[in-house]
mmCIF file of all heavy atoms, coordinates in Angstrom:
data_MODEL
# 
_entry.id   MODEL 
# 
loop_
_atom_site.group_PDB 
_atom_site.id 
_atom_site.type_symbol 
_atom_site.label_atom_id 
_atom_site.label_alt_id 
_atom_site.label_comp_id 
_atom_site.label_asym_id 
_atom_site.label_entity_id 
_atom_site.label_seq_id 
_atom_site.pdbx_PDB_ins_code 
_atom_site.Cartn_x 
_atom_site.Cartn_y 
_atom_site.Cartn_z 
_atom_site.occupancy 
_atom_site.B_iso_or_equiv 
_atom_site.pdbx_formal_charge 
_atom_site.auth_seq_id 
_atom_site.auth_comp_id 
_atom_site.auth_asym_id 
_atom_site.auth_atom_id 
_atom_site.pdbx_PDB_model_num 
ATOM 1   N N   . TYR A 1 1  ? 0.822  -1.204 0.000  1.00 0.00 ? 1  TYR A N   1 
ATOM 2   C CA  . TYR A 1 1  ? 0.000  0.000  0.000  1.00 0.00 ? 1  TYR A CA  1 
ATOM 3   C C   . TYR A 1 1  ? 0.859  1.258  0.000  1.00 0.00 ? 1  TYR A C   1 
ATOM 4   O O   . TYR A 1 1  ? 1.950  1.282  0.577  1.00 0.00 ? 1  TYR A O   1 
ATOM 5   C CB  . TYR A 1 1  ? -0.923 0.009  1.220  1.00 0.00 ? 1  TYR A CB  1 
ATOM 6   C CG  . TYR A 1 1  ? -1.922 -1.128 1.212  1.00 0.00 ? 1  TYR A CG  1 
ATOM 7   C CD1 . TYR A 1 1  ? -1.772 -2.217 2.067  1.00 0.00 ? 1  TYR A CD1 1 
ATOM 8   C CD2 . TYR A 1 1  ? -2.982 -1.135 0.320  1.00 0.00 ? 1  TYR A CD2 1 
ATOM 9   C CE1 . TYR A 1 1  ? -2.676 -3.277 2.044  1.00 0.00 ? 1  TYR A CE1 1 
ATOM 10  C CE2 . TYR A 1 1  ? -3.885 -2.191 0.284  1.00 0.00 ? 1  TYR A CE2 1 
ATOM 11  C CZ  . TYR A 1 1  ? -3.730 -3.251 1.153  1.00 0.00 ? 1  TYR A CZ  1 
ATOM 12  O OH  . TYR A 1 1  ? -4.616 -4.292 1.111  1.00 0.00 ? 1  TYR A OH  1 
ATOM 13  N N   . ASP A 1 2  ? 0.343  2.274  -0.655 1.00 0.00 ? 2  ASP A N   1 
ATOM 14  C CA  . ASP A 1 2  ? 0.944  3.606  -0.588 1.00 0.00 ? 2  ASP A CA  1 
ATOM 15  C C   . ASP A 1 2  ? 0.030  4.426  0.321  1.00 0.00 ? 2  ASP A C   1 
ATOM 16  O O   . ASP A 1 2  ? -0.938 5.033  -0.121 1.00 0.00 ? 2  ASP A O   1 
ATOM 17  C CB  . ASP A 1 2  ? 1.023  4.212  -1.988 1.00 0.00 ? 2  ASP A CB  1 
ATOM 18  C CG  . ASP A 1 2  ? 1.772  5.539  -1.985 1.00 0.00 ? 2  ASP A CG  1 
ATOM 19  O OD1 . ASP A 1 2  ? 2.212  5.971  -0.898 1.00 0.00 ? 2  ASP A OD1 1 
ATOM 20  O OD2 . ASP A 1 2  ? 1.902  6.158  -3.065 1.00 0.00 ? 2  ASP A OD2 1 
ATOM 21  N N   . ARG A 1 3  ? 0.317  4.390  1.615  1.00 0.00 ? 3  ARG A N   1 
ATOM 22  C CA  . ARG A 1 3  ? -0.549 5.034  2.598  1.00 0.00 ? 3  ARG A CA  1 
ATOM 23  C C   . ARG A 1 3  ? -0.476 6.564  2.467  1.00 0.00 ? 3  ARG A C   1 
ATOM 24  O O   . ARG A 1 3  ? 0.571  7.106  2.117  1.00 0.00 ? 3  ARG A O   1 
ATOM 25  C CB  . ARG A 1 3  ? -0.123 4.650  4.013  1.00 0.00 ? 3  ARG A CB  1 
ATOM 26  C CG  . ARG A 1 3  ? 0.029  3.153  4.259  1.00 0.00 ? 3  ARG A CG  1 
ATOM 27  C CD  . ARG A 1 3  ? -1.272 2.484  4.530  1.00 0.00 ? 3  ARG A CD  1 
ATOM 28  N NE  . ARG A 1 3  ? -1.070 1.093  4.975  1.00 0.00 ? 3  ARG A NE  1 
ATOM 29  C CZ  . ARG A 1 3  ? -2.048 0.217  5.112  1.00 0.00 ? 3  ARG A CZ  1 
ATOM 30  N NH1 . ARG A 1 3  ? -3.290 0.556  4.856  1.00 0.00 ? 3  ARG A NH1 1 
ATOM 31  N NH2 . ARG A 1 3  ? -1.799 -1.020 5.510  1.00 0.00 ? 3  ARG A NH2 1 
ATOM 32  N N   . PRO A 1 4  ? -1.580 7.244  2.764  1.00 0.00 ? 4  PRO A N   1 
ATOM 33  C CA  . PRO A 1 4  ? -1.510 8.716  2.778  1.00 0.00 ? 4  PRO A CA  1 
ATOM 34  C C   . PRO A 1 4  ? -0.549 9.194  3.861  1.00 0.00 ? 4  PRO A C   1 
ATOM 35  O O   . PRO A 1 4  ? -0.427 8.557  4.918  1.00 0.00 ? 4  PRO A O   1 
ATOM 36  C CB  . PRO A 1 4  ? -2.954 9.131  3.091  1.00 0.00 ? 4  PRO A CB  1 
ATOM 37  C CG  . PRO A 1 4  ? -3.601 7.939  3.691  1.00 0.00 ? 4  PRO A CG  1 
ATOM 38  C CD  . PRO A 1 4  ? -2.914 6.742  3.103  1.00 0.00 ? 4  PRO A CD  1 
ATOM 39  N N   . TRP A 1 5  ? 0.120  10.291 3.592  1.00 0.00 ? 5  TRP A N   1 
ATOM 40  C CA  . TRP A 1 5  ? 1.074  10.823 4.570  1.00 0.00 ? 5  TRP A CA  1 
ATOM 41  C C   . TRP A 1 5  ? 1.066  12.344 4.506  1.00 0.00 ? 5  TRP A C   1 
ATOM 42  O O   . TRP A 1 5  ? 0.651  12.932 3.515  1.00 0.00 ? 5  TRP A O   1 
ATOM 43  C CB  . TRP A 1 5  ? 2.480  10.270 4.326  1.00 0.00 ? 5  TRP A CB  1 
ATOM 44  C CG  . TRP A 1 5  ? 3.029  10.517 2.952  1.00 0.00 ? 5  TRP A CG  1 
ATOM 45  C CD1 . TRP A 1 5  ? 2.745  9.819  1.820  1.00 0.00 ? 5  TRP A CD1 1 
ATOM 46  C CD2 . TRP A 1 5  ? 3.936  11.550 2.560  1.00 0.00 ? 5  TRP A CD2 1 
ATOM 47  N NE1 . TRP A 1 5  ? 3.415  10.332 0.747  1.00 0.00 ? 5  TRP A NE1 1 
ATOM 48  C CE2 . TRP A 1 5  ? 4.161  11.396 1.178  1.00 0.00 ? 5  TRP A CE2 1 
ATOM 49  C CE3 . TRP A 1 5  ? 4.585  12.574 3.246  1.00 0.00 ? 5  TRP A CE3 1 
ATOM 50  C CZ2 . TRP A 1 5  ? 5.013  12.255 0.459  1.00 0.00 ? 5  TRP A CZ2 1 
ATOM 51  C CZ3 . TRP A 1 5  ? 5.431  13.417 2.532  1.00 0.00 ? 5  TRP A CZ3 1 
ATOM 52  C CH2 . TRP A 1 5  ? 5.636  13.246 1.151  1.00 0.00 ? 5  TRP A CH2 1 
ATOM 53  N N   . VAL A 1 6  ? 1.504  12.944 5.576  1.00 0.00 ? 6  VAL A N   1 
ATOM 54  C CA  . VAL A 1 6  ? 1.534  14.403 5.689  1.00 0.00 ? 6  VAL A CA  1 
ATOM 55  C C   . VAL A 1 6  ? 2.960  14.816 6.002  1.00 0.00 ? 6  VAL A C   1 
ATOM 56  O O   . VAL A 1 6  ? 3.605  14.248 6.890  1.00 0.00 ? 6  VAL A O   1 
ATOM 57  C CB  . VAL A 1 6  ? 0.581  14.899 6.809  1.00 0.00 ? 6  VAL A CB  1 
ATOM 58  C CG1 . VAL A 1 6  ? 0.643  16.411 6.925  1.00 0.00 ? 6  VAL A CG1 1 
ATOM 59  C CG2 . VAL A 1 6  ? -0.842 14.431 6.544  1.00 0.00 ? 6  VAL A CG2 1 
ATOM 60  N N   . GLU A 1 7  ? 3.451  15.788 5.268  1.00 0.00 ? 7  GLU A N   1 
ATOM 61  C CA  . GLU A 1 7  ? 4.818  16.243 5.484  1.00 0.00 ? 7  GLU A CA  1 
ATOM 62  C C   . GLU A 1 7  ? 4.937  16.929 6.842  1.00 0.00 ? 7  GLU A C   1 
ATOM 63  O O   . GLU A 1 7  ? 4.066  17.710 7.242  1.00 0.00 ? 7  GLU A O   1 
ATOM 64  C CB  . GLU A 1 7  ? 5.230  17.221 4.378  1.00 0.00 ? 7  GLU A CB  1 
ATOM 65  C CG  . GLU A 1 7  ? 6.720  17.504 4.378  1.00 0.00 ? 7  GLU A CG  1 
ATOM 66  C CD  . GLU A 1 7  ? 7.187  18.142 3.071  1.00 0.00 ? 7  GLU A CD  1 
ATOM 67  O OE1 . GLU A 1 7  ? 6.438  18.092 2.070  1.00 0.00 ? 7  GLU A OE1 1 
ATOM 68  O OE2 . GLU A 1 7  ? 8.299  18.679 3.058  1.00 0.00 ? 7  GLU A OE2 1 
ATOM 69  N N   . THR A 1 8  ? 6.015  16.619 7.573  1.00 0.00 ? 8  THR A N   1 
ATOM 70  C CA  . THR A 1 8  ? 6.247  17.251 8.872  1.00 0.00 ? 8  THR A CA  1 
ATOM 71  C C   . THR A 1 8  ? 6.561  18.731 8.666  1.00 0.00 ? 8  THR A C   1 
ATOM 72  O O   . THR A 1 8  ? 7.425  19.070 7.852  1.00 0.00 ? 8  THR A O   1 
ATOM 73  C CB  . THR A 1 8  ? 7.424  16.569 9.588  1.00 0.00 ? 8  THR A CB  1 
ATOM 74  O OG1 . THR A 1 8  ? 7.155  15.177 9.688  1.00 0.00 ? 8  THR A OG1 1 
ATOM 75  C CG2 . THR A 1 8  ? 7.655  17.163 10.967 1.00 0.00 ? 8  THR A CG2 1 
ATOM 76  N N   . PRO A 1 9  ? 5.864  19.627 9.366  1.00 0.00 ? 9  PRO A N   1 
ATOM 77  C CA  . PRO A 1 9  ? 6.163  21.064 9.184  1.00 0.00 ? 9  PRO A CA  1 
ATOM 78  C C   . PRO A 1 9  ? 7.581  21.371 9.643  1.00 0.00 ? 9  PRO A C   1 
ATOM 79  O O   . PRO A 1 9  ? 8.103  20.730 10.564 1.00 0.00 ? 9  PRO A O   1 
ATOM 80  C CB  . PRO A 1 9  ? 5.124  21.760 10.065 1.00 0.00 ? 9  PRO A CB  1 
ATOM 81  C CG  . PRO A 1 9  ? 4.666  20.718 11.043 1.00 0.00 ? 9  PRO A CG  1 
ATOM 82  C CD  . PRO A 1 9  ? 4.806  19.405 10.346 1.00 0.00 ? 9  PRO A CD  1 
ATOM 83  N N   . PRO A 1 10 ? 8.229  22.343 9.013  1.00 0.00 ? 10 PRO A N   1 
ATOM 84  C CA  . PRO A 1 10 ? 9.603  22.673 9.416  1.00 0.00 ? 10 PRO A CA  1 
ATOM 85  C C   . PRO A 1 10 ? 9.637  23.232 10.839 1.00 0.00 ? 10 PRO A C   1 
ATOM 86  O O   . PRO A 1 10 ? 8.648  23.783 11.337 1.00 0.00 ? 10 PRO A O   1 
ATOM 87  C CB  . PRO A 1 10 ? 10.032 23.736 8.394  1.00 0.00 ? 10 PRO A CB  1 
ATOM 88  C CG  . PRO A 1 10 ? 8.744  24.291 7.861  1.00 0.00 ? 10 PRO A CG  1 
ATOM 89  C CD  . PRO A 1 10 ? 7.745  23.193 7.923  1.00 0.00 ? 10 PRO A CD  1 
ATOM 90  N N   . ALA A 1 11 ? 10.774 23.025 11.495 1.00 0.00 ? 11 ALA A N   1 
ATOM 91  C CA  . ALA A 1 11 ? 10.939 23.545 12.849 1.00 0.00 ? 11 ALA A CA  1 
ATOM 92  C C   . ALA A 1 11 ? 10.875 25.066 12.844 1.00 0.00 ? 11 ALA A C   1 
ATOM 93  O O   . ALA A 1 11 ? 11.216 25.723 11.836 1.00 0.00 ? 11 ALA A O   1 
ATOM 94  C CB  . ALA A 1 11 ? 12.272 23.072 13.423 1.00 0.00 ? 11 ALA A CB  1 
ATOM 95  N N   . ALA A 1 12 ? 10.455 25.635 13.962 1.00 0.00 ? 12 ALA A N   1 
ATOM 96  C CA  . ALA A 1 12 ? 10.370 27.097 14.058 1.00 0.00 ? 12 ALA A CA  1 
ATOM 97  C C   . ALA A 1 12 ? 11.773 27.698 13.968 1.00 0.00 ? 12 ALA A C   1 
ATOM 98  O O   . ALA A 1 12 ? 12.732 27.146 14.527 1.00 0.00 ? 12 ALA A O   1 
ATOM 99  C CB  . ALA A 1 12 ? 9.730  27.480 15.391 1.00 0.00 ? 12 ALA A CB  1 
ATOM 100 N N   . PRO A 1 13 ? 11.922 28.811 13.249 1.00 0.00 ? 13 PRO A N   1 
ATOM 101 C CA  . PRO A 1 13 ? 13.235 29.479 13.206 1.00 0.00 ? 13 PRO A CA  1 
ATOM 102 C C   . PRO A 1 13 ? 13.688 29.838 14.620 1.00 0.00 ? 13 PRO A C   1 
ATOM 103 O O   . PRO A 1 13 ? 12.864 30.115 15.501 1.00 0.00 ? 13 PRO A O   1 
ATOM 104 C CB  . PRO A 1 13 ? 12.969 30.737 12.373 1.00 0.00 ? 13 PRO A CB  1 
ATOM 105 C CG  . PRO A 1 13 ? 11.703 30.449 11.622 1.00 0.00 ? 13 PRO A CG  1 
ATOM 106 C CD  . PRO A 1 13 ? 10.901 29.517 12.469 1.00 0.00 ? 13 PRO A CD  1 
ATOM 107 N N   . LEU A 1 14 ? 15.011 29.829 14.840 1.00 0.00 ? 14 LEU A N   1 
ATOM 108 C CA  . LEU A 1 14 ? 15.532 30.070 16.181 1.00 0.00 ? 14 LEU A CA  1 
ATOM 109 C C   . LEU A 1 14 ? 15.074 31.399 16.739 1.00 0.00 ? 14 LEU A C   1 
ATOM 110 O O   . LEU A 1 14 ? 14.884 31.549 17.943 1.00 0.00 ? 14 LEU A O   1 
ATOM 111 C CB  . LEU A 1 14 ? 17.062 30.006 16.162 1.00 0.00 ? 14 LEU A CB  1 
ATOM 112 C CG  . LEU A 1 14 ? 17.664 28.600 16.102 1.00 0.00 ? 14 LEU A CG  1 
ATOM 113 C CD1 . LEU A 1 14 ? 19.170 28.662 16.006 1.00 0.00 ? 14 LEU A CD1 1 
ATOM 114 C CD2 . LEU A 1 14 ? 17.258 27.791 17.319 1.00 0.00 ? 14 LEU A CD2 1 
ATOM 115 N N   . GLY A 1 15 ? 14.880 32.386 15.853 1.00 0.00 ? 15 GLY A N   1 
ATOM 116 C CA  . GLY A 1 15 ? 14.469 33.714 16.332 1.00 0.00 ? 15 GLY A CA  1 
ATOM 117 C C   . GLY A 1 15 ? 13.118 33.701 17.015 1.00 0.00 ? 15 GLY A C   1 
ATOM 118 O O   . GLY A 1 15 ? 12.819 34.590 17.821 1.00 0.00 ? 15 GLY A O   1 
ATOM 119 N N   . GLU A 1 16 ? 12.282 32.707 16.721 1.00 0.00 ? 16 GLU A N   1 
ATOM 120 C CA  . GLU A 1 16 ? 10.942 32.669 17.302 1.00 0.00 ? 16 GLU A CA  1 
ATOM 121 C C   . GLU A 1 16 ? 10.883 31.851 18.585 1.00 0.00 ? 16 GLU A C   1 
ATOM 122 O O   . GLU A 1 16 ? 9.839  31.746 19.223 1.00 0.00 ? 16 GLU A O   1 
ATOM 123 C CB  . GLU A 1 16 ? 9.953  32.093 16.280 1.00 0.00 ? 16 GLU A CB  1 
ATOM 124 C CG  . GLU A 1 16 ? 9.819  32.939 15.016 1.00 0.00 ? 16 GLU A CG  1 
ATOM 125 C CD  . GLU A 1 16 ? 8.937  32.269 13.974 1.00 0.00 ? 16 GLU A CD  1 
ATOM 126 O OE1 . GLU A 1 16 ? 8.150  31.387 14.344 1.00 0.00 ? 16 GLU A OE1 1 
ATOM 127 O OE2 . GLU A 1 16 ? 9.068  32.634 12.790 1.00 0.00 ? 16 GLU A OE2 1 
ATOM 128 N N   . VAL A 1 17 ? 11.998 31.223 18.972 1.00 0.00 ? 17 VAL A N   1 
ATOM 129 C CA  . VAL A 1 17 ? 12.030 30.443 20.207 1.00 0.00 ? 17 VAL A CA  1 
ATOM 130 C C   . VAL A 1 17 ? 12.185 31.401 21.386 1.00 0.00 ? 17 VAL A C   1 
ATOM 131 O O   . VAL A 1 17 ? 13.065 32.262 21.370 1.00 0.00 ? 17 VAL A O   1 
ATOM 132 C CB  . VAL A 1 17 ? 13.202 29.439 20.184 1.00 0.00 ? 17 VAL A CB  1 
ATOM 133 C CG1 . VAL A 1 17 ? 13.307 28.701 21.509 1.00 0.00 ? 17 VAL A CG1 1 
ATOM 134 C CG2 . VAL A 1 17 ? 13.018 28.450 19.040 1.00 0.00 ? 17 VAL A CG2 1 
ATOM 135 N N   . PRO A 1 18 ? 11.311 31.282 22.414 1.00 0.00 ? 18 PRO A N   1 
ATOM 136 C CA  . PRO A 1 18 ? 11.427 32.218 23.540 1.00 0.00 ? 18 PRO A CA  1 
ATOM 137 C C   . PRO A 1 18 ? 12.770 32.062 24.255 1.00 0.00 ? 18 PRO A C   1 
ATOM 138 O O   . PRO A 1 18 ? 13.291 30.963 24.394 1.00 0.00 ? 18 PRO A O   1 
ATOM 139 C CB  . PRO A 1 18 ? 10.262 31.820 24.458 1.00 0.00 ? 18 PRO A CB  1 
ATOM 140 C CG  . PRO A 1 18 ? 9.881  30.441 24.044 1.00 0.00 ? 18 PRO A CG  1 
ATOM 141 C CD  . PRO A 1 18 ? 10.200 30.344 22.582 1.00 0.00 ? 18 PRO A CD  1 
ATOM 142 N N   . ALA A 1 19 ? 13.321 33.182 24.667 1.00 0.00 ? 19 ALA A N   1 
ATOM 143 C CA  . ALA A 1 19 ? 14.607 33.178 25.358 1.00 0.00 ? 19 ALA A CA  1 
ATOM 144 C C   . ALA A 1 19 ? 14.446 32.529 26.732 1.00 0.00 ? 19 ALA A C   1 
ATOM 145 O O   . ALA A 1 19 ? 13.374 32.572 27.334 1.00 0.00 ? 19 ALA A O   1 
ATOM 146 C CB  . ALA A 1 19 ? 15.131 34.592 25.486 1.00 0.00 ? 19 ALA A CB  1 
ATOM 147 N N   . ILE A 1 20 ? 15.522 31.899 27.224 1.00 0.00 ? 20 ILE A N   1 
ATOM 148 C CA  . ILE A 1 20 ? 15.503 31.279 28.557 1.00 0.00 ? 20 ILE A CA  1 
ATOM 149 C C   . ILE A 1 20 ? 16.833 31.588 29.224 1.00 0.00 ? 20 ILE A C   1 
ATOM 150 O O   . ILE A 1 20 ? 17.892 31.605 28.571 1.00 0.00 ? 20 ILE A O   1 
ATOM 151 C CB  . ILE A 1 20 ? 15.261 29.756 28.451 1.00 0.00 ? 20 ILE A CB  1 
ATOM 152 C CG1 . ILE A 1 20 ? 15.122 29.126 29.840 1.00 0.00 ? 20 ILE A CG1 1 
ATOM 153 C CG2 . ILE A 1 20 ? 16.377 29.066 27.659 1.00 0.00 ? 20 ILE A CG2 1 
ATOM 154 C CD1 . ILE A 1 20 ? 14.637 27.676 29.797 1.00 0.00 ? 20 ILE A CD1 1 
ATOM 155 N N   . GLY A 1 21 ? 16.795 31.875 30.503 1.00 0.00 ? 21 GLY A N   1 
ATOM 156 C CA  . GLY A 1 21 ? 18.014 32.199 31.230 1.00 0.00 ? 21 GLY A CA  1 
ATOM 157 C C   . GLY A 1 21 ? 18.938 31.007 31.345 1.00 0.00 ? 21 GLY A C   1 
ATOM 158 O O   . GLY A 1 21 ? 18.497 29.850 31.285 1.00 0.00 ? 21 GLY A O   1 
ATOM 159 N N   . ALA A 1 22 ? 20.219 31.261 31.536 1.00 0.00 ? 22 ALA A N   1 
ATOM 160 C CA  . ALA A 1 22 ? 21.215 30.196 31.587 1.00 0.00 ? 22 ALA A CA  1 
ATOM 161 C C   . ALA A 1 22 ? 20.928 29.214 32.718 1.00 0.00 ? 22 ALA A C   1 
ATOM 162 O O   . ALA A 1 22 ? 21.007 27.989 32.531 1.00 0.00 ? 22 ALA A O   1 
ATOM 163 C CB  . ALA A 1 22 ? 22.613 30.796 31.746 1.00 0.00 ? 22 ALA A CB  1 
ATOM 164 N N   . ILE A 1 23 ? 20.584 29.736 33.908 1.00 0.00 ? 23 ILE A N   1 
ATOM 165 C CA  . ILE A 1 23 ? 20.343 28.848 35.055 1.00 0.00 ? 23 ILE A CA  1 
ATOM 166 C C   . ILE A 1 23 ? 19.093 28.012 34.816 1.00 0.00 ? 23 ILE A C   1 
ATOM 167 O O   . ILE A 1 23 ? 19.063 26.793 35.066 1.00 0.00 ? 23 ILE A O   1 
ATOM 168 C CB  . ILE A 1 23 ? 20.215 29.656 36.364 1.00 0.00 ? 23 ILE A CB  1 
ATOM 169 C CG1 . ILE A 1 23 ? 21.530 30.385 36.661 1.00 0.00 ? 23 ILE A CG1 1 
ATOM 170 C CG2 . ILE A 1 23 ? 19.848 28.727 37.528 1.00 0.00 ? 23 ILE A CG2 1 
ATOM 171 C CD1 . ILE A 1 23 ? 22.729 29.461 36.814 1.00 0.00 ? 23 ILE A CD1 1 
ATOM 172 N N   . ASP A 1 24 ? 18.032 28.661 34.307 1.00 0.00 ? 24 ASP A N   1 
ATOM 173 C CA  . ASP A 1 24 ? 16.799 27.917 34.019 1.00 0.00 ? 24 ASP A CA  1 
ATOM 174 C C   . ASP A 1 24 ? 17.050 26.850 32.950 1.00 0.00 ? 24 ASP A C   1 
ATOM 175 O O   . ASP A 1 24 ? 16.509 25.735 33.021 1.00 0.00 ? 24 ASP A O   1 
ATOM 176 C CB  . ASP A 1 24 ? 15.691 28.865 33.546 1.00 0.00 ? 24 ASP A CB  1 
ATOM 177 C CG  . ASP A 1 24 ? 15.164 29.734 34.679 1.00 0.00 ? 24 ASP A CG  1 
ATOM 178 O OD1 . ASP A 1 24 ? 15.347 29.333 35.840 1.00 0.00 ? 24 ASP A OD1 1 
ATOM 179 O OD2 . ASP A 1 24 ? 14.580 30.797 34.397 1.00 0.00 ? 24 ASP A OD2 1 
ATOM 180 N N   . GLY A 1 25 ? 17.870 27.211 31.943 1.00 0.00 ? 25 GLY A N   1 
ATOM 181 C CA  . GLY A 1 25 ? 18.198 26.243 30.897 1.00 0.00 ? 25 GLY A CA  1 
ATOM 182 C C   . GLY A 1 25 ? 18.958 25.056 31.449 1.00 0.00 ? 25 GLY A C   1 
ATOM 183 O O   . GLY A 1 25 ? 18.684 23.897 31.109 1.00 0.00 ? 25 GLY A O   1 
ATOM 184 N N   . LEU A 1 26 ? 19.918 25.323 32.346 1.00 0.00 ? 26 LEU A N   1 
ATOM 185 C CA  . LEU A 1 26 ? 20.701 24.254 32.963 1.00 0.00 ? 26 LEU A CA  1 
ATOM 186 C C   . LEU A 1 26 ? 19.801 23.347 33.797 1.00 0.00 ? 26 LEU A C   1 
ATOM 187 O O   . LEU A 1 26 ? 19.908 22.114 33.747 1.00 0.00 ? 26 LEU A O   1 
ATOM 188 C CB  . LEU A 1 26 ? 21.811 24.859 33.827 1.00 0.00 ? 26 LEU A CB  1 
ATOM 189 C CG  . LEU A 1 26 ? 22.764 23.852 34.498 1.00 0.00 ? 26 LEU A CG  1 
ATOM 190 C CD1 . LEU A 1 26 ? 23.475 23.002 33.462 1.00 0.00 ? 26 LEU A CD1 1 
ATOM 191 C CD2 . LEU A 1 26 ? 23.761 24.575 35.389 1.00 0.00 ? 26 LEU A CD2 1 
ATOM 192 N N   . ARG A 1 27 ? 18.885 23.966 34.562 1.00 0.00 ? 27 ARG A N   1 
ATOM 193 C CA  . ARG A 1 27 ? 17.957 23.172 35.377 1.00 0.00 ? 27 ARG A CA  1 
ATOM 194 C C   . ARG A 1 27 ? 17.080 22.274 34.497 1.00 0.00 ? 27 ARG A C   1 
ATOM 195 O O   . ARG A 1 27 ? 16.816 21.120 34.832 1.00 0.00 ? 27 ARG A O   1 
ATOM 196 C CB  . ARG A 1 27 ? 17.057 24.114 36.196 1.00 0.00 ? 27 ARG A CB  1 
ATOM 197 C CG  . ARG A 1 27 ? 17.722 24.689 37.436 1.00 0.00 ? 27 ARG A CG  1 
ATOM 198 C CD  . ARG A 1 27 ? 16.661 25.195 38.416 1.00 0.00 ? 27 ARG A CD  1 
ATOM 199 N NE  . ARG A 1 27 ? 17.279 25.781 39.590 1.00 0.00 ? 27 ARG A NE  1 
ATOM 200 C CZ  . ARG A 1 27 ? 17.303 27.086 39.855 1.00 0.00 ? 27 ARG A CZ  1 
ATOM 201 N NH1 . ARG A 1 27 ? 16.739 27.950 39.028 1.00 0.00 ? 27 ARG A NH1 1 
ATOM 202 N NH2 . ARG A 1 27 ? 17.886 27.546 40.957 1.00 0.00 ? 27 ARG A NH2 1 
ATOM 203 N N   . ALA A 1 28 ? 16.637 22.834 33.356 1.00 0.00 ? 28 ALA A N   1 
ATOM 204 C CA  . ALA A 1 28 ? 15.785 22.047 32.458 1.00 0.00 ? 28 ALA A CA  1 
ATOM 205 C C   . ALA A 1 28 ? 16.544 20.842 31.908 1.00 0.00 ? 28 ALA A C   1 
ATOM 206 O O   . ALA A 1 28 ? 15.994 19.733 31.820 1.00 0.00 ? 28 ALA A O   1 
ATOM 207 C CB  . ALA A 1 28 ? 15.286 22.934 31.316 1.00 0.00 ? 28 ALA A CB  1 
# 
């Protein structure tokens, strides 16, 4: 079978990722 498929959307550009502090990032 050739099953229907949906292309994965591209990842968000880095500029749109919310900033996170260094300590919070390390804890995560």
